[in-house]
Protein backbone atom coordinates (compact mmCIF):
# COMPACT_ATOMS: atom_id res chain seq x y z
CA MET A 1 0.03 -0.09 0.04
CA SER A 2 1.48 3.24 -1.13
CA LEU A 3 2.10 6.26 1.32
CA VAL A 4 -0.69 8.22 -0.34
CA THR A 5 -3.15 5.20 0.01
CA LYS A 6 -2.30 5.27 3.58
CA LEU A 7 -2.89 9.12 3.78
CA LEU A 8 -5.75 9.33 1.90
CA GLY A 9 -7.39 6.48 4.26
CA ILE A 10 -6.30 8.19 7.34
CA PHE A 11 -7.93 11.54 6.10
CA ILE A 12 -11.21 9.73 5.27
CA LEU A 13 -11.13 8.26 8.57
CA LEU A 14 -10.51 11.64 10.20
CA LEU A 15 -13.23 13.36 8.37
CA SER A 16 -15.61 10.56 9.27
CA ILE A 17 -14.91 10.88 12.52
CA GLY A 18 -15.32 14.95 12.31
CA VAL A 19 -18.59 14.65 10.76
CA SER A 20 -19.58 11.83 12.92
CA TRP A 21 -18.80 14.53 15.82
CA ALA A 22 -20.41 17.50 14.37
CA TRP A 23 -23.57 15.58 13.44
CA MET A 24 -23.51 14.12 17.22
CA SER A 25 -22.97 18.07 18.52
CA TYR A 26 -25.69 19.19 16.30
CA GLN A 27 -28.17 16.40 17.52
CA ASN A 28 -26.99 17.31 21.47
CA SER A 29 -27.47 20.91 20.71
CA LEU A 30 -31.36 20.22 19.78
CA LYS A 31 -32.06 18.41 23.31
CA THR A 32 -29.77 20.77 25.46
CA PRO A 33 -31.34 23.55 27.27
CA VAL A 34 -30.01 26.83 26.16
CA ILE A 35 -31.38 29.28 29.28
CA PHE A 36 -30.42 28.79 32.52
CA GLY A 37 -31.13 30.77 36.09
CA GLN A 38 -33.63 33.43 35.45
CA MET A 39 -36.18 34.16 32.57
CA ILE A 40 -34.42 36.71 29.97
CA LEU A 41 -36.75 39.46 28.37
CA PHE A 42 -35.33 39.45 24.65
CA GLU A 43 -36.44 42.18 22.00
CA ILE A 44 -36.33 41.59 18.56
CA GLU A 45 -36.38 45.25 16.81
CA LYS A 46 -38.02 45.76 13.68
CA GLY A 47 -35.27 45.43 10.85
CA ASN A 48 -33.12 42.83 12.45
CA ASN A 49 -31.92 40.15 10.54
CA PHE A 50 -31.46 36.80 11.47
CA ASN A 51 -27.68 37.18 11.93
CA GLN A 52 -28.03 40.20 14.20
CA ILE A 53 -30.86 38.26 16.27
CA THR A 54 -28.25 35.54 16.87
CA GLU A 55 -25.54 37.48 17.81
CA LYS A 56 -27.94 39.22 20.33
CA LEU A 57 -29.05 35.63 21.79
CA VAL A 58 -25.21 35.10 22.45
CA LYS A 59 -24.83 38.95 24.26
CA TYR A 60 -27.88 37.97 26.47
CA ASP A 61 -26.05 34.94 27.50
CA VAL A 62 -28.28 32.58 25.84
CA LYS A 63 -26.12 29.16 25.64
CA ILE A 64 -26.70 28.62 21.69
CA ASN A 65 -24.25 27.47 19.37
CA PRO A 66 -24.36 30.13 16.78
CA ILE A 67 -23.81 28.00 14.10
CA TRP A 68 -25.82 24.79 14.92
CA PHE A 69 -28.92 27.53 15.58
CA LYS A 70 -28.27 28.75 12.12
CA LEU A 71 -28.29 25.26 10.71
CA LEU A 72 -31.71 24.35 12.49
CA ALA A 73 -33.25 27.64 11.25
CA TYR A 74 -32.24 26.85 7.75
CA GLN A 75 -33.37 23.28 8.08
CA LYS A 76 -36.74 24.67 9.20
CA ASP A 77 -37.14 27.57 6.82
CA LEU A 78 -37.49 30.13 9.81
CA THR A 79 -34.54 32.56 9.25
CA HIS A 80 -36.88 35.15 7.56
CA LYS A 81 -39.99 34.49 9.94
CA LEU A 82 -38.70 35.55 13.38
CA LYS A 83 -41.09 38.19 14.28
CA ALA A 84 -40.44 42.03 16.04
CA GLY A 85 -41.31 42.22 19.59
CA GLU A 86 -40.22 41.44 23.23
CA TYR A 87 -40.42 38.17 24.42
CA HIS A 88 -39.99 36.37 27.91
CA LEU A 89 -37.44 33.27 27.13
CA ASN A 90 -37.90 30.85 30.17
CA PRO A 91 -35.21 28.61 31.32
CA GLY A 92 -35.03 25.32 30.00
CA LEU A 93 -35.69 26.16 26.45
CA THR A 94 -34.12 24.20 23.67
CA SER A 95 -32.72 25.67 20.40
CA SER A 96 -35.86 24.47 18.80
CA GLU A 97 -37.92 25.80 21.36
CA LEU A 98 -36.41 29.16 21.17
CA LEU A 99 -37.19 29.54 17.49
CA THR A 100 -40.51 28.52 17.92
CA VAL A 101 -41.28 31.27 20.42
CA LEU A 102 -39.24 33.83 18.48
CA VAL A 103 -41.50 32.88 15.24
CA SER A 104 -44.67 32.46 17.23
CA GLY A 105 -45.54 36.24 17.12
CA LYS A 106 -46.67 35.83 20.72
CA ALA A 107 -44.73 39.04 22.17
CA ILE A 108 -45.41 40.82 25.32
CA GLN A 109 -48.55 42.57 25.27
CA TYR A 110 -48.88 45.82 26.94
CA SER A 111 -52.12 47.50 27.97
CA ILE A 112 -53.54 51.06 27.94
CA THR A 113 -56.84 51.89 29.17
CA PHE A 114 -59.34 55.07 28.24
CA PRO A 115 -62.21 55.24 30.73
CA GLU A 116 -65.66 56.07 29.59
CA GLY A 117 -66.23 59.71 30.00
CA TRP A 118 -62.56 60.81 29.41
CA THR A 119 -61.66 63.60 26.83
CA PHE A 120 -59.59 63.60 23.79
CA LYS A 121 -57.08 65.54 25.85
CA GLN A 122 -56.76 62.94 28.53
CA ILE A 123 -56.23 60.20 26.43
CA ARG A 124 -53.68 62.03 24.57
CA LYS A 125 -52.23 62.47 27.85
CA ARG A 126 -52.10 58.89 28.94
CA ILE A 127 -50.59 57.97 25.53
CA LYS A 128 -47.99 60.56 25.90
CA GLN A 129 -47.02 59.20 29.21
CA ASN A 130 -46.64 55.40 28.19
CA SER A 131 -42.84 54.78 27.63
CA LYS A 132 -43.83 51.42 25.50
CA ILE A 133 -45.70 53.43 22.76
CA LYS A 134 -43.99 55.20 20.04
CA GLN A 135 -44.75 59.14 19.83
CA THR A 136 -45.19 60.20 16.49
CA LEU A 137 -48.45 63.23 17.10
CA ASP A 138 -46.58 65.18 19.64
CA LYS A 139 -46.73 68.55 17.01
CA LEU A 140 -50.20 67.61 15.77
CA ASP A 141 -53.27 69.18 17.01
CA GLY A 142 -56.83 67.32 16.96
CA ILE A 143 -57.66 68.09 13.56
CA ALA A 144 -54.48 67.01 12.02
CA VAL A 145 -54.79 63.36 13.97
CA LEU A 146 -58.04 63.48 12.33
CA ALA A 147 -56.72 64.03 9.05
CA LYS A 148 -54.64 60.96 9.57
CA LEU A 149 -57.18 58.77 10.51
CA ASP A 150 -58.95 59.49 7.20
CA SER A 151 -61.69 60.87 9.47
CA LYS A 152 -64.39 63.68 7.73
CA GLU A 153 -65.45 64.76 11.26
CA LYS A 154 -64.02 68.14 11.92
CA HIS A 155 -63.52 67.96 15.93
CA PRO A 156 -61.84 64.88 17.84
CA GLU A 157 -63.70 64.66 20.82
CA GLY A 158 -65.83 61.61 21.57
CA LEU A 159 -64.59 60.08 18.53
CA PHE A 160 -62.53 57.49 20.53
CA PHE A 161 -64.33 54.23 22.05
CA PRO A 162 -63.20 53.98 25.77
CA ASP A 163 -61.94 50.40 26.49
CA THR A 164 -58.47 48.82 27.52
CA TYR A 165 -56.14 47.97 24.21
CA HIS A 166 -53.36 45.91 24.16
CA PHE A 167 -50.46 46.36 22.52
CA ASP A 168 -46.62 45.15 21.43
CA LYS A 169 -44.03 47.54 22.66
CA HIS A 170 -43.20 50.45 20.05
CA ALA A 171 -46.81 50.35 18.69
CA THR A 172 -47.35 53.89 17.59
CA ASP A 173 -49.67 56.35 19.09
CA ILE A 174 -51.29 56.54 15.97
CA SER A 175 -52.42 53.08 15.47
CA LEU A 176 -53.78 52.99 19.04
CA LEU A 177 -56.11 55.78 18.26
CA GLN A 178 -56.80 54.30 14.61
CA ARG A 179 -58.37 51.25 16.63
CA ALA A 180 -60.15 53.21 19.38
CA TYR A 181 -61.53 55.21 16.22
CA ASN A 182 -62.75 52.50 14.46
CA LYS A 183 -63.89 50.88 17.47
CA MET A 184 -66.37 53.84 18.15
CA GLN A 185 -67.56 53.84 14.52
CA GLN A 186 -68.64 50.28 14.72
CA THR A 187 -70.34 50.26 17.85
CA LEU A 188 -72.03 53.44 16.66
CA HIS A 189 -72.90 52.34 13.53
CA LYS A 190 -74.59 49.01 15.05
CA GLU A 191 -76.51 50.59 17.84
CA TRP A 192 -77.96 53.51 15.22
CA GLN A 193 -79.05 50.61 12.98
CA SER A 194 -81.13 49.32 15.84
CA LYS A 195 -82.34 52.90 17.37
CA ALA A 196 -85.92 53.55 18.64
CA SER A 197 -88.06 54.88 16.06
CA ASP A 198 -89.39 58.02 17.55
CA ILE A 199 -85.83 59.65 18.91
CA PRO A 200 -85.14 63.54 17.91
CA LEU A 201 -81.95 62.62 16.67
CA LYS A 202 -81.27 63.06 12.97
CA THR A 203 -77.39 61.35 12.58
CA PRO A 204 -75.27 58.97 14.19
CA TYR A 205 -73.05 61.94 15.44
CA GLU A 206 -75.99 63.73 17.31
CA ALA A 207 -76.52 60.39 18.94
CA LEU A 208 -72.68 60.19 19.84
CA ILE A 209 -73.34 63.86 21.45
CA LEU A 210 -76.26 63.14 23.58
CA ALA A 211 -74.51 59.76 24.57
CA SER A 212 -71.31 61.84 25.84
CA ILE A 213 -73.76 63.77 28.33
CA VAL A 214 -75.48 60.93 29.28
CA GLU A 215 -72.24 59.28 30.04
CA LYS A 216 -70.92 62.43 32.09
CA GLU A 217 -74.30 62.84 34.00
CA THR A 218 -74.62 59.27 34.96
CA GLY A 219 -73.41 58.38 38.21
CA LYS A 220 -75.53 54.98 38.41
CA ALA A 221 -75.52 52.75 35.54
CA SER A 222 -79.38 51.56 35.76
CA GLU A 223 -80.27 55.35 35.10
CA ARG A 224 -78.63 55.49 31.78
CA GLN A 225 -81.75 55.61 29.97
CA GLN A 226 -83.88 57.24 32.56
CA ILE A 227 -81.52 60.30 31.73
CA ALA A 228 -81.44 59.91 28.42
CA GLY A 229 -85.36 60.09 28.52
CA VAL A 230 -85.14 63.39 30.09
CA PHE A 231 -82.70 64.69 27.33
CA THR A 232 -84.78 63.31 24.74
CA ARG A 233 -87.97 64.94 26.14
CA ARG A 234 -86.50 68.05 26.41
CA LEU A 235 -85.32 68.17 22.77
CA ARG A 236 -88.70 67.33 21.62
CA LYS A 237 -90.03 70.50 23.90
CA GLY A 238 -87.49 72.54 22.56
CA MET A 239 -86.53 73.13 26.27
CA LEU A 240 -82.71 73.94 27.16
CA LEU A 241 -80.87 70.73 28.19
CA GLN A 242 -79.38 72.49 31.25
CA THR A 243 -76.65 70.17 31.84
CA ASP A 244 -73.78 71.34 34.08
CA PRO A 245 -71.04 68.78 32.20
CA THR A 246 -71.72 71.23 28.92
CA VAL A 247 -71.07 74.26 30.97
CA ILE A 248 -67.72 72.63 32.27
CA TYR A 249 -66.38 71.31 28.84
CA GLY A 250 -67.30 74.91 27.47
CA MET A 251 -65.08 76.36 30.18
CA GLY A 252 -62.02 74.26 29.56
CA ASP A 253 -59.17 75.45 31.53
CA GLU A 254 -61.00 77.87 33.49
CA TYR A 255 -62.90 75.04 35.07
CA LYS A 256 -61.60 75.02 39.00
CA GLY A 257 -64.00 72.48 40.61
CA ASP A 258 -66.82 74.87 41.01
CA ILE A 259 -69.82 76.50 38.70
CA ARG A 260 -70.70 79.67 39.59
CA TYR A 261 -73.96 81.54 38.56
CA LYS A 262 -71.95 83.66 36.06
CA ASP A 263 -70.69 80.57 34.57
CA LEU A 264 -74.09 79.39 33.65
CA ARG A 265 -75.07 82.75 32.13
CA LYS A 266 -71.62 83.03 29.93
CA PRO A 267 -72.57 81.97 26.00
CA THR A 268 -70.09 79.55 25.39
CA PRO A 269 -71.03 77.20 22.10
CA TYR A 270 -71.46 74.37 24.90
CA ASN A 271 -73.22 76.10 27.40
CA THR A 272 -76.93 74.38 27.59
CA TYR A 273 -78.47 77.12 30.03
CA VAL A 274 -78.13 79.60 27.16
CA LEU A 275 -78.27 77.71 23.83
CA LYS A 276 -81.34 75.48 22.84
CA GLY A 277 -80.38 71.73 21.56
CA LEU A 278 -77.30 69.67 21.50
CA PRO A 279 -73.90 71.17 21.95
CA PRO A 280 -71.81 71.21 18.48
CA THR A 281 -69.63 68.42 19.44
CA PRO A 282 -69.65 65.42 22.12
CA ILE A 283 -68.01 66.52 25.60
CA ALA A 284 -66.39 63.23 26.24
CA MET A 285 -65.88 59.55 25.41
CA PRO A 286 -69.12 57.51 26.02
CA GLY A 287 -69.30 53.86 26.45
CA LYS A 288 -71.40 51.41 24.52
CA GLU A 289 -74.06 51.48 27.18
CA ALA A 290 -74.34 55.57 27.19
CA ILE A 291 -74.85 55.28 23.24
CA HIS A 292 -77.41 52.41 23.56
CA ALA A 293 -79.33 54.79 26.27
CA ALA A 294 -79.35 57.69 23.95
CA LEU A 295 -80.96 55.51 21.28
CA HIS A 296 -83.00 53.75 23.40
CA PRO A 297 -84.35 56.14 25.93
CA ALA A 298 -86.69 55.41 28.57
CA LYS A 299 -90.37 56.37 28.60
CA GLY A 300 -92.16 58.35 30.83
CA ASN A 301 -92.88 61.99 31.46
CA SER A 302 -89.97 63.36 33.71
CA ILE A 303 -88.12 66.19 32.39
CA TYR A 304 -85.86 67.05 35.62
CA PHE A 305 -83.32 65.18 37.45
CA VAL A 306 -81.37 66.02 40.90
CA SER A 307 -78.93 64.08 42.52
CA ARG A 308 -79.46 62.52 45.93
CA GLY A 309 -75.59 62.88 46.64
CA ASN A 310 -75.17 58.91 46.29
CA GLY A 311 -74.87 58.57 42.44
CA SER A 312 -78.40 58.53 42.11
CA HIS A 313 -80.93 60.92 41.01
CA VAL A 314 -84.54 61.82 41.65
CA PHE A 315 -86.70 61.97 38.41
CA SER A 316 -89.50 64.75 38.28
CA ALA A 317 -92.41 65.53 35.64
CA THR A 318 -92.98 69.16 37.16
CA LEU A 319 -91.12 72.04 38.18
CA ARG A 320 -92.75 72.13 41.52
CA ASP A 321 -91.80 68.75 42.24
CA HIS A 322 -88.12 69.18 40.86
CA ASN A 323 -87.94 72.25 43.18
CA ASN A 324 -88.75 70.04 46.30
CA ALA A 325 -86.32 67.48 45.29
CA VAL A 326 -83.85 70.13 45.04
CA ASN A 327 -84.61 71.76 48.42
CA LEU A 328 -84.47 67.94 50.22
CA PHE A 329 -81.35 67.04 48.46
CA GLN A 330 -79.30 70.08 47.23
CA ARG A 331 -80.48 72.61 49.83
CA LYS A 332 -80.85 70.28 52.60
CA GLY A 333 -84.24 71.74 53.12
CA ASN A 334 -82.83 75.58 53.55
């Protein structure tokens, strides 16, 4: 046997051993956990390619073999399927399970809540204070925001549905407002389709305005339709609505927690003690129940109501009965 033949045999033997070792190493890497100790919070940023993600995993002390990890991803055709977002990587995950997590799209979800009765100004402030949301609207006023939402309305108040919204880190402020706007449009459209036939409201937008007043006047959920009934009858009769929340809204930053007699006489566009009919826009975000109440007001003859001081109200059909209720619950008999 020649020297060349011997050397070739040795080379083939070593190559076979190397391939076998590499294969065993690769197989072991599929079964061996790559995360130990504590859970790791890991983020894939938009635009990261697979190599960048692999390098970042190593920096986060994830015990992957970069070569085998890449080979596994190529085998599974996953190199272009890892999704941006934040992920909890729990101890015990193998390389294969790690890839499954990163392509699942089940990133950590954050939440933000817009309560019923809040104004557009309040929800913008809450969005701006949330560090997980990407801010893109800082320099835009309400009209410019509506333009970005392709809305035909001229004022943003009341157009966003109060709810809790879940989102991934770096979701934009406009994307959240778009979801809230769309949900309000869908809710309002659905409720308008089943409205009572005799309500004095000509458009869904008028229903939204009345619903916002009902929302702000309601202290007890069971009274929404009764309150809506009072305002509906006042609209039919051409009476002033005389509702304090509209006055407060019209006062803007001048409101300091108390309404004075001169405030009730000041003719702002929202002062329903001075101007007949509905104000020009909603005064807050009404919830679904308030919208339903505005479109399905309770029957009856009451045209007045006054707070008992515990969230509920006394409803009256005559001014005399109303004044008696005011004396009893507001003036304490004085």
